[in-house]
Amino acid sequence: MELIGDGRWERAGRRGRRMLASRWWRGGAAVLAGALPALAFPAPSLWWFAYVALVPWMLLARSAPTGRRAALDGWLGGLGFMVAVHHWLLPSLHVFTVLIAALLGLLWAPWGWLVRRLLGRAPSRRRAAVALLVLPSAWLMVELVRSWEGLGGPWGLLGSSQWQVGPALRVASVGGVWLVSALVVALNTAVALLVVVLATAPGGRRAKPDSGARTGTFVASPGAPAVAGIVAVAAVTTAAWAWAPRPEPAGGTRVAVVQPGVIDGIAGPEKRLAREEALTRTLVGRDVDLVVWGESSVGFDLADRPDVARRIAALSREVGADILVNVDARRSDRPGIFKSSVLVGPQGPTGDRYDKMRLVPFGEYVPARSLLGWATSVGKAAGEDRRRGDRQVVMDVGHGLRVGPLVCFESAFPDMSRHLTRDGAQLLLAQSATSSFQHSWAPPQHASLAAIRAAETGRPMVHATLTGVSAVYGPDGSRIGSPLGTSASATAVYEVPLAEGVTAYVRWGDWTVHAALVVLALLCAAEGARLLRRSAPERPAPPARTARELPAHHGH
């Protein structure tokens, strides 16, 4: 029976190798393998799957016959990853989603080449150890480059998939989402190395490494660095859990979130405002300190429509708290359309205003509109570019509370929440609207980002939306209360604990990224030195001397 089973597995292996020899089958496998990590993000939220989700992709790139083919596997895997994580954009951007994913997928081509370079054949212990440092560092460079606002921003960073894992949130407080991503990739690398050890050891025999290591024992194989890598990830996580500074409790505040739900139609802004007023009035007598409305909750410039400003001010007097609204309108005092967080108190707008700085490509502006303006004809790209703000703002909302507002996908940028915290914000706020993607993975993905930002900064964060998911997270990133889902048209009041103190990430910033740059620089220097040694001309060996030419020895 065992021989029959072995034969079946051998035939399956040969069939698989023949399929991977076909460039079309191999390309499809690369796209599929690259898409697998998307399952770790909401809505599936299989956070544990992130620890092995890269392994099929890495094994495929490792098996590439050439470095060029490995780079292609990296590119196609990156394409699959970007489409899977952003698939909810397809109804809005259509084929343009795939084109953007294909361009961004190119960032993974060098990563695929490095996977083959370090894990190809039977890697030695030295190459295995180098892979555990280099591959996470190279992955971080991909995440760093694509985090630029013009390329779509840092949506779908691998570390963000760990938003509900307590130890990972503690790690984020030390090195931000970047350190979490690096550790997840290191764990995948270690698992891939263990698979290589098992695959190259039929019948319990170890394959010979490519650089003179002793064979015949597990210690001589790349399995030893792999196990050491897993232990190192566990050690870093444990150290962060045990010794990283924890936020110190500093009282609390009561924050109300108003979520009107989906409201469409020509008179949408008026209907939405009326619904928000009705919901806000239900908060009378509930002793809240701040009321937060979602993104684009007010479709009129308050200076141009003083009647609307008076209505919101009257609500503030009734409730006994300031109301943070979000105005999406053409400003009367400056040209263009802005998205602005505006604080309204009992006497009207307080003067505190934050204009959104980082805009969503194609959703709020079209990059290089003269070249890419045709995108408006094939999808729901912005017909007119929104204008940008030029600085972040911390607002005083009374009761001694200072808040730092963000708008929409600005909550995906670690540096923005970090800067607000350094400027004195005690509470972070994100006003969002994802109604265009209401029944997709986008709303829960967006809400989950607030957990990472809270953990990084040691400050609670409120994620308030028009149509869900609205959620609140404490200073350690843990969820507070129950979220408002995409089917809710309601209000919710949250007892939000405040905290003080400075996390390591707020203090030291993106040190993980800088360390990754150092690792890659050292790799480039080592590779350059190796190439120089290979290209240097060899010194000719001295001519051999014959026995007749040897000098005579006397005295014996």
Protein backbone atom coordinates (compact mmCIF):
# COMPACT_ATOMS: atom_id res chain seq x y z
CA MET A 1 0.00 0.00 0.00
CA GLU A 2 2.85 2.36 0.83
CA LEU A 3 4.50 1.73 -2.54
CA ILE A 4 1.21 2.40 -4.31
CA GLY A 5 0.81 5.63 -2.40
CA ASP A 6 4.38 6.65 -3.18
CA GLY A 7 3.78 5.97 -6.86
CA ARG A 8 0.62 8.06 -6.85
CA TRP A 9 2.44 10.97 -5.24
CA GLU A 10 5.33 10.61 -7.68
CA ARG A 11 2.97 10.69 -10.66
CA ALA A 12 1.21 13.74 -9.23
CA GLY A 13 4.58 15.43 -8.76
CA ARG A 14 5.57 14.75 -12.37
CA ARG A 15 2.23 16.09 -13.56
CA GLY A 16 2.68 19.23 -11.47
CA ARG A 17 6.18 19.78 -12.82
CA ARG A 18 4.92 19.42 -16.40
CA MET A 19 2.18 21.98 -15.73
CA LEU A 20 4.64 24.44 -14.20
CA ALA A 21 6.88 23.99 -17.23
CA SER A 22 4.09 25.64 -19.25
CA ARG A 23 4.42 29.41 -19.00
CA TRP A 24 0.62 29.83 -19.02
CA TRP A 25 0.00 27.34 -16.23
CA ARG A 26 2.90 28.76 -14.26
CA GLY A 27 1.67 32.34 -14.76
CA GLY A 28 -1.79 31.40 -13.54
CA ALA A 29 -0.28 29.64 -10.53
CA ALA A 30 1.74 32.78 -9.71
CA VAL A 31 -1.34 35.01 -9.85
CA LEU A 32 -3.29 32.60 -7.64
CA ALA A 33 -0.43 32.20 -5.16
CA GLY A 34 -0.05 35.98 -4.90
CA ALA A 35 -3.77 36.38 -4.21
CA LEU A 36 -3.79 34.00 -1.22
CA PRO A 37 -2.66 36.54 1.43
CA ALA A 38 -5.84 38.57 0.80
CA LEU A 39 -7.74 35.97 2.83
CA ALA A 40 -5.94 37.17 5.96
CA PHE A 41 -7.61 40.60 5.69
CA PRO A 42 -11.24 41.45 6.44
CA ALA A 43 -13.82 40.32 5.60
CA PRO A 44 -12.48 36.72 5.76
CA SER A 45 -10.08 37.87 8.52
CA LEU A 46 -8.14 34.60 8.57
CA TRP A 47 -5.33 36.40 10.40
CA TRP A 48 -3.46 33.15 11.16
CA PHE A 49 -3.30 32.35 7.44
CA ALA A 50 -0.93 35.30 6.94
CA TYR A 51 1.83 33.26 8.59
CA VAL A 52 1.91 30.75 5.71
CA ALA A 53 0.08 32.56 2.90
CA LEU A 54 3.31 33.58 1.11
CA VAL A 55 4.80 30.09 1.17
CA PRO A 56 3.23 28.81 -2.12
CA TRP A 57 4.34 31.99 -3.89
CA MET A 58 7.88 31.68 -2.50
CA LEU A 59 8.17 28.01 -3.42
CA LEU A 60 7.01 28.79 -6.95
CA ALA A 61 9.57 31.58 -7.41
CA ARG A 62 12.25 29.37 -5.87
CA SER A 63 11.59 26.67 -8.49
CA ALA A 64 11.93 29.07 -11.44
CA PRO A 65 14.44 27.82 -14.02
CA THR A 66 16.00 31.28 -14.40
CA GLY A 67 16.22 34.52 -12.48
CA ARG A 68 14.15 36.22 -15.17
CA ARG A 69 11.38 33.68 -14.72
CA ALA A 70 11.50 34.18 -10.93
CA ALA A 71 11.12 37.94 -11.43
CA LEU A 72 8.12 37.24 -13.67
CA ASP A 73 6.63 35.03 -10.95
CA GLY A 74 7.15 37.92 -8.54
CA TRP A 75 5.41 40.35 -10.87
CA LEU A 76 2.43 38.08 -11.56
CA GLY A 77 2.12 37.26 -7.87
CA GLY A 78 2.11 40.98 -7.08
CA LEU A 79 -0.60 41.46 -9.70
CA GLY A 80 -2.67 38.74 -8.04
CA PHE A 81 -2.14 40.23 -4.60
CA MET A 82 -3.13 43.76 -5.63
CA VAL A 83 -6.24 42.61 -7.50
CA ALA A 84 -7.34 40.37 -4.61
CA VAL A 85 -6.86 43.04 -1.94
CA HIS A 86 -8.49 45.76 -4.07
CA HIS A 87 -11.05 43.67 -5.98
CA TRP A 88 -13.87 45.81 -4.61
CA LEU A 89 -12.63 48.63 -6.87
CA LEU A 90 -13.59 46.68 -10.00
CA PRO A 91 -17.21 47.98 -10.20
CA SER A 92 -15.89 51.54 -10.03
CA LEU A 93 -12.66 51.45 -12.06
CA HIS A 94 -13.33 48.33 -14.16
CA VAL A 95 -10.33 47.27 -16.27
CA PHE A 96 -8.33 50.18 -14.89
CA THR A 97 -8.10 48.26 -11.60
CA VAL A 98 -6.20 45.48 -13.36
CA LEU A 99 -3.93 47.91 -15.18
CA ILE A 100 -2.98 49.65 -11.92
CA ALA A 101 -2.45 46.27 -10.23
CA ALA A 102 -0.19 45.19 -13.11
CA LEU A 103 1.93 48.33 -12.75
CA LEU A 104 2.23 47.99 -8.98
CA GLY A 105 2.87 44.27 -9.33
CA LEU A 106 6.19 45.11 -10.96
CA LEU A 107 7.43 46.12 -7.51
CA TRP A 108 7.50 42.44 -6.55
CA ALA A 109 9.69 41.39 -9.50
CA PRO A 110 12.98 42.00 -7.61
CA TRP A 111 11.50 40.22 -4.59
CA GLY A 112 10.75 37.15 -6.72
CA TRP A 113 14.30 37.22 -8.07
CA LEU A 114 15.69 37.39 -4.54
CA VAL A 115 13.56 34.43 -3.46
CA ARG A 116 15.16 32.26 -6.15
CA ARG A 117 18.61 33.68 -5.44
CA LEU A 118 18.44 32.84 -1.73
CA LEU A 119 16.15 29.81 -1.59
CA GLY A 120 16.93 28.17 -4.94
CA ARG A 121 18.39 24.67 -5.21
CA ALA A 122 19.33 23.33 -1.75
CA PRO A 123 20.20 26.52 0.17
CA SER A 124 23.08 26.44 2.60
CA ARG A 125 22.74 27.52 6.19
CA ARG A 126 24.37 30.82 5.33
CA ARG A 127 21.96 31.60 2.49
CA ALA A 128 19.03 30.52 4.64
CA ALA A 129 20.08 32.89 7.40
CA VAL A 130 20.53 35.72 4.88
CA ALA A 131 17.09 35.00 3.40
CA LEU A 132 15.46 35.45 6.82
CA LEU A 133 16.78 39.02 6.86
CA VAL A 134 16.75 40.01 3.21
CA LEU A 135 13.33 38.76 2.07
CA PRO A 136 11.39 40.62 4.80
CA SER A 137 13.50 43.72 4.10
CA ALA A 138 12.79 43.54 0.37
CA TRP A 139 9.08 43.06 1.07
CA LEU A 140 9.09 46.20 3.22
CA MET A 141 10.62 48.17 0.34
CA VAL A 142 7.70 47.09 -1.84
CA GLU A 143 5.23 48.20 0.84
CA LEU A 144 7.09 51.47 1.34
CA VAL A 145 7.11 52.40 -2.35
CA ARG A 146 3.49 51.53 -2.97
CA SER A 147 2.50 53.44 0.18
CA TRP A 148 3.12 56.68 -1.66
CA GLU A 149 -0.20 58.47 -2.02
CA GLY A 150 0.17 58.77 -5.79
CA LEU A 151 0.40 54.97 -6.11
CA GLY A 152 -2.71 54.30 -4.06
CA GLY A 153 -1.46 54.53 -0.51
CA PRO A 154 -0.66 51.87 2.10
CA TRP A 155 -3.84 49.83 1.76
CA GLY A 156 -3.32 46.11 2.31
CA LEU A 157 0.02 46.21 4.13
CA LEU A 158 0.60 42.66 5.28
CA GLY A 159 0.98 43.68 8.92
CA SER A 160 -2.50 45.23 8.86
CA SER A 161 -3.99 41.74 8.64
CA GLN A 162 -3.06 41.30 12.33
CA TRP A 163 -5.39 44.06 13.55
CA GLN A 164 -7.19 41.78 16.01
CA VAL A 165 -4.16 39.92 17.39
CA GLY A 166 -3.06 41.30 20.76
CA PRO A 167 0.65 40.39 20.56
CA ALA A 168 0.89 41.80 17.02
CA LEU A 169 -0.66 45.07 18.21
CA ARG A 170 2.01 45.27 20.90
CA VAL A 171 4.65 44.77 18.21
CA ALA A 172 3.04 47.61 16.23
CA SER A 173 3.53 49.92 19.22
CA VAL A 174 7.28 49.27 18.91
CA GLY A 175 7.91 49.39 15.17
CA GLY A 176 4.60 50.27 13.58
CA VAL A 177 2.81 48.16 11.01
CA TRP A 178 6.19 47.82 9.25
CA LEU A 179 7.66 45.65 12.00
CA VAL A 180 4.56 43.44 11.98
CA SER A 181 4.87 43.00 8.21
CA ALA A 182 8.56 42.15 8.49
CA LEU A 183 7.93 39.49 11.15
CA VAL A 184 5.09 37.93 9.16
CA VAL A 185 7.31 37.67 6.05
CA ALA A 186 10.17 36.26 8.16
CA LEU A 187 7.82 33.59 9.49
CA ASN A 188 6.73 32.71 5.95
CA THR A 189 10.38 32.49 4.91
CA ALA A 190 11.15 30.12 7.77
CA VAL A 191 8.20 27.88 6.88
CA ALA A 192 9.26 27.86 3.22
CA LEU A 193 12.76 26.80 4.28
CA LEU A 194 11.34 23.94 6.32
CA VAL A 195 9.31 22.82 3.31
CA VAL A 196 12.49 22.91 1.22
CA VAL A 197 14.30 20.78 3.82
CA LEU A 198 11.54 18.17 3.74
CA ALA A 199 11.22 18.26 -0.05
CA THR A 200 14.95 17.73 -0.60
CA ALA A 201 15.24 14.87 1.87
CA PRO A 202 13.47 11.84 0.38
CA GLY A 203 13.63 8.82 2.62
CA GLY A 204 15.06 10.89 5.49
CA ARG A 205 18.33 11.79 3.65
CA ARG A 206 19.38 15.40 3.45
CA ALA A 207 20.29 16.97 0.15
CA LYS A 208 23.76 18.40 -0.11
CA PRO A 209 23.85 22.16 0.36
CA ASP A 210 25.51 24.20 -2.32
CA SER A 211 28.40 25.63 -0.27
CA GLY A 212 30.25 22.94 1.57
CA ALA A 213 28.11 22.51 4.70
CA ARG A 214 28.24 19.14 6.41
CA THR A 215 25.45 16.81 5.39
CA GLY A 216 23.52 14.07 7.03
CA THR A 217 22.13 16.01 9.99
CA PHE A 218 19.35 18.53 10.47
CA VAL A 219 21.86 21.02 11.86
CA ALA A 220 23.78 21.00 8.59
CA SER A 221 20.67 21.82 6.58
CA PRO A 222 18.82 25.14 6.22
CA GLY A 223 16.32 23.74 8.69
CA ALA A 224 18.42 25.04 11.59
CA PRO A 225 18.23 28.72 10.52
CA ALA A 226 14.53 28.19 9.74
CA VAL A 227 13.83 27.02 13.26
CA ALA A 228 16.01 29.82 14.60
CA GLY A 229 13.94 32.29 12.54
CA ILE A 230 10.69 31.03 14.02
CA VAL A 231 12.19 31.26 17.51
CA ALA A 232 13.42 34.80 16.78
CA VAL A 233 9.94 35.94 15.66
CA ALA A 234 8.46 34.46 18.81
CA ALA A 235 11.16 36.10 20.92
CA VAL A 236 10.61 39.56 19.41
CA THR A 237 6.86 39.27 19.91
CA THR A 238 7.28 38.09 23.49
CA ALA A 239 9.74 40.89 24.25
CA ALA A 240 7.34 43.48 22.85
CA TRP A 241 4.50 42.03 24.89
CA ALA A 242 6.54 41.99 28.08
CA TRP A 243 8.67 45.13 27.91
CA ALA A 244 7.26 47.63 25.42
CA PRO A 245 5.87 50.73 27.17
CA ARG A 246 2.12 50.47 27.73
CA PRO A 247 -0.26 53.45 27.53
CA GLU A 248 -0.97 54.90 30.97
CA PRO A 249 -4.69 55.42 31.73
CA ALA A 250 -5.67 59.10 31.73
CA GLY A 251 -9.40 59.19 32.31
CA GLY A 252 -12.01 58.78 29.62
CA THR A 253 -14.52 60.52 27.39
CA ARG A 254 -17.94 59.76 25.92
CA VAL A 255 -18.05 59.95 22.13
CA ALA A 256 -21.15 59.48 20.00
CA VAL A 257 -21.01 58.29 16.39
CA VAL A 258 -23.85 59.20 14.03
CA GLN A 259 -24.24 56.85 11.05
CA PRO A 260 -27.17 57.82 8.76
CA GLY A 261 -26.91 54.86 6.38
CA VAL A 262 -27.24 54.77 2.59
CA ILE A 263 -29.16 57.76 1.22
CA ASP A 264 -29.25 58.21 -2.56
CA GLY A 265 -31.09 60.43 -4.99
CA ILE A 266 -30.93 63.93 -6.36
CA ALA A 267 -31.75 65.49 -2.97
CA GLY A 268 -29.29 63.19 -1.23
CA PRO A 269 -27.35 65.91 0.70
CA GLU A 270 -30.57 67.43 2.13
CA LYS A 271 -32.02 64.03 3.04
CA ARG A 272 -28.75 62.95 4.64
CA LEU A 273 -28.56 66.12 6.69
CA ALA A 274 -32.14 65.67 7.88
CA ARG A 275 -31.45 62.07 8.88
CA GLU A 276 -28.27 63.09 10.73
CA GLU A 277 -30.22 65.78 12.61
CA ALA A 278 -32.90 63.31 13.64
CA LEU A 279 -30.33 60.76 14.84
CA THR A 280 -28.32 63.38 16.71
CA ARG A 281 -31.40 64.52 18.63
CA THR A 282 -31.67 61.04 20.12
CA LEU A 283 -28.44 61.84 21.99
CA VAL A 284 -30.07 64.56 24.09
CA GLY A 285 -29.62 63.78 27.78
CA ARG A 286 -26.98 61.09 27.20
CA ASP A 287 -24.12 63.26 28.50
CA VAL A 288 -21.75 62.92 25.54
CA ASP A 289 -18.58 64.98 25.18
CA LEU A 290 -18.32 64.91 21.38
CA VAL A 291 -20.51 63.90 18.44
CA VAL A 292 -18.83 62.70 15.24
CA TRP A 293 -20.46 62.56 11.81
CA GLY A 294 -18.96 60.68 8.86
CA GLU A 295 -17.15 61.83 5.73
CA SER A 296 -19.18 64.06 3.37
CA SER A 297 -21.89 64.29 6.03
CA VAL A 298 -22.57 67.92 5.02
CA GLY A 299 -22.79 68.73 1.32
CA PHE A 300 -22.82 72.51 1.73
CA ASP A 301 -20.15 75.06 2.58
CA LEU A 302 -21.15 76.40 6.00
CA ALA A 303 -20.01 79.94 5.17
CA ASP A 304 -22.14 79.90 2.03
CA ARG A 305 -25.09 78.29 3.85
CA PRO A 306 -25.36 79.97 7.26
CA ASP A 307 -28.79 78.38 7.72
CA VAL A 308 -27.17 74.94 7.77
CA ALA A 309 -24.52 76.16 10.23
CA ARG A 310 -27.30 77.47 12.52
CA ARG A 311 -29.14 74.13 12.38
CA ILE A 312 -26.01 72.21 13.42
CA ALA A 313 -25.24 74.77 16.16
CA ALA A 314 -28.76 74.31 17.52
CA LEU A 315 -28.13 70.55 17.64
CA SER A 316 -24.92 71.20 19.57
CA ARG A 317 -26.85 73.24 22.16
CA GLU A 318 -29.51 70.54 22.50
CA VAL A 319 -27.01 67.71 22.92
CA GLY A 320 -24.57 69.71 25.03
CA ALA A 321 -21.51 68.78 22.98
CA ASP A 322 -19.55 69.96 19.98
CA ILE A 323 -20.27 68.23 16.68
CA LEU A 324 -17.48 67.31 14.25
CA VAL A 325 -18.96 67.30 10.76
CA ASN A 326 -17.28 66.74 7.40
CA VAL A 327 -18.00 69.24 4.65
CA ASP A 328 -17.65 68.09 1.04
CA ALA A 329 -18.35 71.21 -1.00
CA ARG A 330 -16.95 74.05 -3.02
CA ARG A 331 -15.57 76.65 -0.62
CA SER A 332 -16.78 80.22 -0.77
CA ASP A 333 -13.47 81.71 0.38
CA ARG A 334 -11.10 79.64 -1.80
CA PRO A 335 -11.39 78.11 -5.27
CA GLY A 336 -12.13 74.41 -5.63
CA ILE A 337 -13.82 71.57 -3.74
CA PHE A 338 -12.42 70.53 -0.36
CA LYS A 339 -13.22 67.74 2.08
CA SER A 340 -12.95 69.30 5.49
CA SER A 341 -13.45 68.29 9.11
CA VAL A 342 -15.25 71.25 10.70
CA LEU A 343 -16.00 71.59 14.40
CA VAL A 344 -19.37 73.17 15.23
CA GLY A 345 -20.21 74.31 18.76
CA PRO A 346 -23.26 75.88 20.39
CA GLN A 347 -22.43 79.25 18.83
CA GLY A 348 -21.67 77.87 15.37
CA PRO A 349 -18.40 76.85 13.67
CA THR A 350 -15.57 77.23 16.18
CA GLY A 351 -12.95 78.07 13.56
CA ASP A 352 -11.24 74.68 13.86
CA ARG A 353 -11.02 73.19 10.40
CA TYR A 354 -8.91 70.47 8.81
CA ASP A 355 -8.76 70.17 5.00
CA LYS A 356 -7.98 66.67 3.76
CA MET A 357 -4.36 66.46 2.61
CA ARG A 358 -4.04 63.05 0.97
CA LEU A 359 -6.56 62.38 -1.72
CA VAL A 360 -7.69 59.06 -3.15
CA PRO A 361 -6.28 58.58 -6.67
CA PHE A 362 -9.07 58.48 -9.25
CA GLY A 363 -11.72 58.66 -6.51
CA GLU A 364 -10.95 62.29 -5.59
CA TYR A 365 -8.53 63.31 -8.29
CA VAL A 366 -7.12 61.86 -11.51
CA PRO A 367 -3.31 61.73 -11.60
CA ALA A 368 -1.93 63.37 -14.75
CA ARG A 369 -5.47 64.15 -15.88
CA SER A 370 -4.27 65.28 -19.30
CA LEU A 371 -3.03 61.72 -19.93
CA LEU A 372 -5.38 59.62 -17.80
CA GLY A 373 -8.55 61.68 -17.98
CA TRP A 374 -10.12 58.95 -20.12
CA ALA A 375 -10.54 56.95 -16.89
CA THR A 376 -13.68 59.01 -16.19
CA SER A 377 -15.32 57.45 -19.24
CA VAL A 378 -14.73 53.83 -18.19
CA GLY A 379 -15.42 54.09 -14.45
CA LYS A 380 -16.44 56.33 -11.59
CA ALA A 381 -13.29 58.41 -11.51
CA ALA A 382 -13.53 61.97 -10.19
CA GLY A 383 -14.91 64.42 -12.73
CA GLU A 384 -13.15 67.31 -10.96
CA ASP A 385 -10.06 67.16 -8.78
CA ARG A 386 -10.52 67.92 -5.09
CA ARG A 387 -8.14 70.44 -3.52
CA ARG A 388 -5.64 69.52 -0.80
CA GLY A 389 -5.05 70.95 2.62
CA ASP A 390 -1.54 71.93 3.62
CA ARG A 391 -1.25 70.99 7.32
CA GLN A 392 -2.61 68.69 9.99
CA VAL A 393 -4.71 70.14 12.81
CA VAL A 394 -5.30 69.24 16.45
CA MET A 395 -8.65 70.59 17.72
CA ASP A 396 -9.77 71.54 21.24
CA VAL A 397 -13.32 70.25 21.68
CA GLY A 398 -13.91 71.27 25.28
CA HIS A 399 -13.70 69.25 28.49
CA GLY A 400 -9.90 69.49 28.06
CA LEU A 401 -10.04 67.05 25.14
CA ARG A 402 -7.77 67.47 22.10
CA VAL A 403 -8.60 65.46 18.97
CA GLY A 404 -6.72 64.79 15.72
CA PRO A 405 -8.99 64.33 12.69
CA LEU A 406 -8.22 62.30 9.58
CA VAL A 407 -10.43 61.90 6.53
CA CYS A 408 -11.13 58.63 4.71
CA PHE A 409 -8.08 56.63 3.66
CA GLU A 410 -5.72 58.94 5.54
CA SER A 411 -6.22 56.46 8.39
CA ALA A 412 -4.10 54.02 6.32
CA PHE A 413 -1.00 56.24 6.65
CA PRO A 414 0.99 55.50 9.84
CA ASP A 415 2.89 58.78 9.72
CA MET A 416 -0.23 60.97 9.86
CA SER A 417 -1.59 59.52 13.12
CA ARG A 418 1.93 59.53 14.56
CA HIS A 419 2.36 63.25 13.81
CA LEU A 420 -1.03 64.07 15.35
CA THR A 421 -0.02 62.22 18.50
CA ARG A 422 3.29 64.08 18.69
CA ASP A 423 1.31 67.33 18.30
CA GLY A 424 -0.75 66.52 21.40
CA ALA A 425 -3.84 64.69 20.14
CA GLN A 426 -5.47 62.61 22.89
CA LEU A 427 -8.05 61.05 20.59
CA LEU A 428 -7.68 60.17 16.90
CA LEU A 429 -10.71 60.45 14.62
CA ALA A 430 -11.27 59.15 11.10
CA GLN A 431 -14.32 60.30 9.13
CA SER A 432 -15.05 57.95 6.27
CA ALA A 433 -17.60 57.00 3.64
CA THR A 434 -17.46 53.70 1.74
CA SER A 435 -21.01 53.60 0.37
CA SER A 436 -19.66 52.99 -3.16
CA PHE A 437 -18.35 49.64 -1.90
CA GLN A 438 -21.12 48.89 0.56
CA HIS A 439 -21.40 45.12 0.10
CA SER A 440 -17.70 44.37 -0.33
CA TRP A 441 -14.66 43.78 1.88
CA ALA A 442 -13.80 47.50 1.83
CA PRO A 443 -15.83 48.72 4.86
CA PRO A 444 -14.47 46.15 7.35
CA GLN A 445 -10.96 46.52 5.92
CA HIS A 446 -11.12 50.26 6.39
CA ALA A 447 -12.44 50.03 9.95
CA SER A 448 -9.70 47.56 10.92
CA LEU A 449 -6.98 50.11 10.11
CA ALA A 450 -8.03 52.17 13.13
CA ALA A 451 -6.97 49.32 15.43
CA ILE A 452 -3.42 49.41 14.02
CA ARG A 453 -3.20 53.22 14.27
CA ALA A 454 -4.42 53.13 17.87
CA ALA A 455 -1.86 50.48 18.85
CA GLU A 456 0.99 52.34 17.09
CA THR A 457 0.30 55.61 18.86
CA GLY A 458 -1.12 54.52 22.22
CA ARG A 459 -4.16 56.73 21.56
CA PRO A 460 -7.78 55.62 21.12
CA MET A 461 -9.28 56.01 17.67
CA VAL A 462 -12.83 56.54 16.47
CA HIS A 463 -13.71 55.44 12.94
CA ALA A 464 -17.01 57.15 12.00
CA THR A 465 -18.66 56.48 8.66
CA LEU A 466 -21.81 57.40 6.78
CA THR A 467 -22.82 53.85 5.98
CA GLY A 468 -20.65 51.50 8.11
CA VAL A 469 -18.52 49.99 9.38
CA SER A 470 -18.13 52.46 12.29
CA ALA A 471 -15.94 51.27 15.16
CA VAL A 472 -13.90 52.48 18.13
CA TYR A 473 -10.60 51.11 19.44
CA GLY A 474 -8.79 51.71 22.71
CA PRO A 475 -5.19 52.88 23.20
CA ASP A 476 -3.95 49.29 22.89
CA GLY A 477 -5.87 48.64 19.66
CA SER A 478 -8.57 46.51 21.28
CA ARG A 479 -12.14 47.08 20.15
CA ILE A 480 -14.45 49.10 22.39
CA GLY A 481 -18.16 48.35 22.30
CA SER A 482 -20.00 47.03 19.27
CA PRO A 483 -19.41 48.37 15.75
CA LEU A 484 -22.16 49.77 13.55
CA GLY A 485 -22.43 47.52 10.51
CA THR A 486 -23.23 48.43 6.93
CA SER A 487 -26.97 47.83 7.43
CA ALA A 488 -27.26 50.22 10.41
CA SER A 489 -28.78 53.69 10.43
CA ALA A 490 -28.23 54.60 14.05
CA THR A 491 -26.15 56.24 16.71
CA ALA A 492 -23.81 54.66 19.23
CA VAL A 493 -22.22 56.10 22.35
CA TYR A 494 -18.80 54.80 23.37
CA GLU A 495 -16.97 55.10 26.67
CA VAL A 496 -13.50 55.77 25.30
CA PRO A 497 -10.53 55.35 27.66
CA LEU A 498 -7.84 57.98 27.20
CA ALA A 499 -4.15 57.38 27.70
CA GLU A 500 -0.88 59.23 27.96
CA GLY A 501 2.73 58.32 27.42
CA VAL A 502 4.77 57.77 24.28
CA THR A 503 5.05 54.49 22.40
CA ALA A 504 8.34 53.40 20.86
CA TYR A 505 6.86 53.91 17.40
CA VAL A 506 5.82 57.50 18.13
CA ARG A 507 9.24 58.19 19.62
CA TRP A 508 11.45 56.53 16.98
CA GLY A 509 9.22 56.45 13.92
CA ASP A 510 9.88 54.17 10.96
CA TRP A 511 13.10 52.66 12.27
CA THR A 512 12.08 49.26 10.90
CA VAL A 513 12.13 50.65 7.36
CA HIS A 514 15.54 52.22 7.95
CA ALA A 515 16.89 48.91 9.25
CA ALA A 516 15.54 47.17 6.14
CA LEU A 517 17.35 49.70 3.95
CA VAL A 518 20.59 48.95 5.81
CA VAL A 519 20.11 45.20 5.27
CA LEU A 520 19.57 45.67 1.54
CA ALA A 521 22.53 48.06 1.29
CA LEU A 522 24.78 45.47 2.94
CA LEU A 523 23.47 42.83 0.54
CA CYS A 524 24.26 45.05 -2.45
CA ALA A 525 27.75 45.74 -1.07
CA ALA A 526 28.40 42.03 -0.54
CA GLU A 527 27.16 41.17 -4.03
CA GLY A 528 29.29 43.95 -5.51
CA ALA A 529 32.39 42.70 -3.72
CA ARG A 530 31.69 39.15 -4.90
CA LEU A 531 31.39 40.31 -8.52
CA LEU A 532 34.63 42.26 -8.23
CA ARG A 533 36.44 39.20 -6.93
CA ARG A 534 35.13 37.11 -9.79
CA SER A 535 36.09 39.68 -12.41
CA ALA A 536 39.60 40.28 -11.02
CA PRO A 537 42.32 38.59 -13.18
CA GLU A 538 43.91 35.62 -11.50
CA ARG A 539 47.68 35.84 -10.76
CA PRO A 540 49.59 33.24 -12.74
CA ALA A 541 50.92 30.36 -10.68
CA PRO A 542 54.75 30.05 -10.46
CA PRO A 543 56.23 27.40 -12.82
CA ALA A 544 56.69 23.95 -11.33
CA ARG A 545 60.32 23.00 -10.51
CA THR A 546 61.67 19.63 -11.54
CA ALA A 547 63.78 17.34 -9.38
CA ARG A 548 66.85 18.24 -11.44
CA GLU A 549 66.33 21.95 -10.67
CA LEU A 550 66.08 21.45 -6.93
CA PRO A 551 69.11 22.75 -4.94
CA ALA A 552 71.49 20.14 -3.55
CA HIS A 553 71.56 19.50 0.22
CA HIS A 554 74.96 18.93 1.85
CA GLY A 555 76.13 17.98 5.28
CA HIS A 556 74.13 14.78 5.76
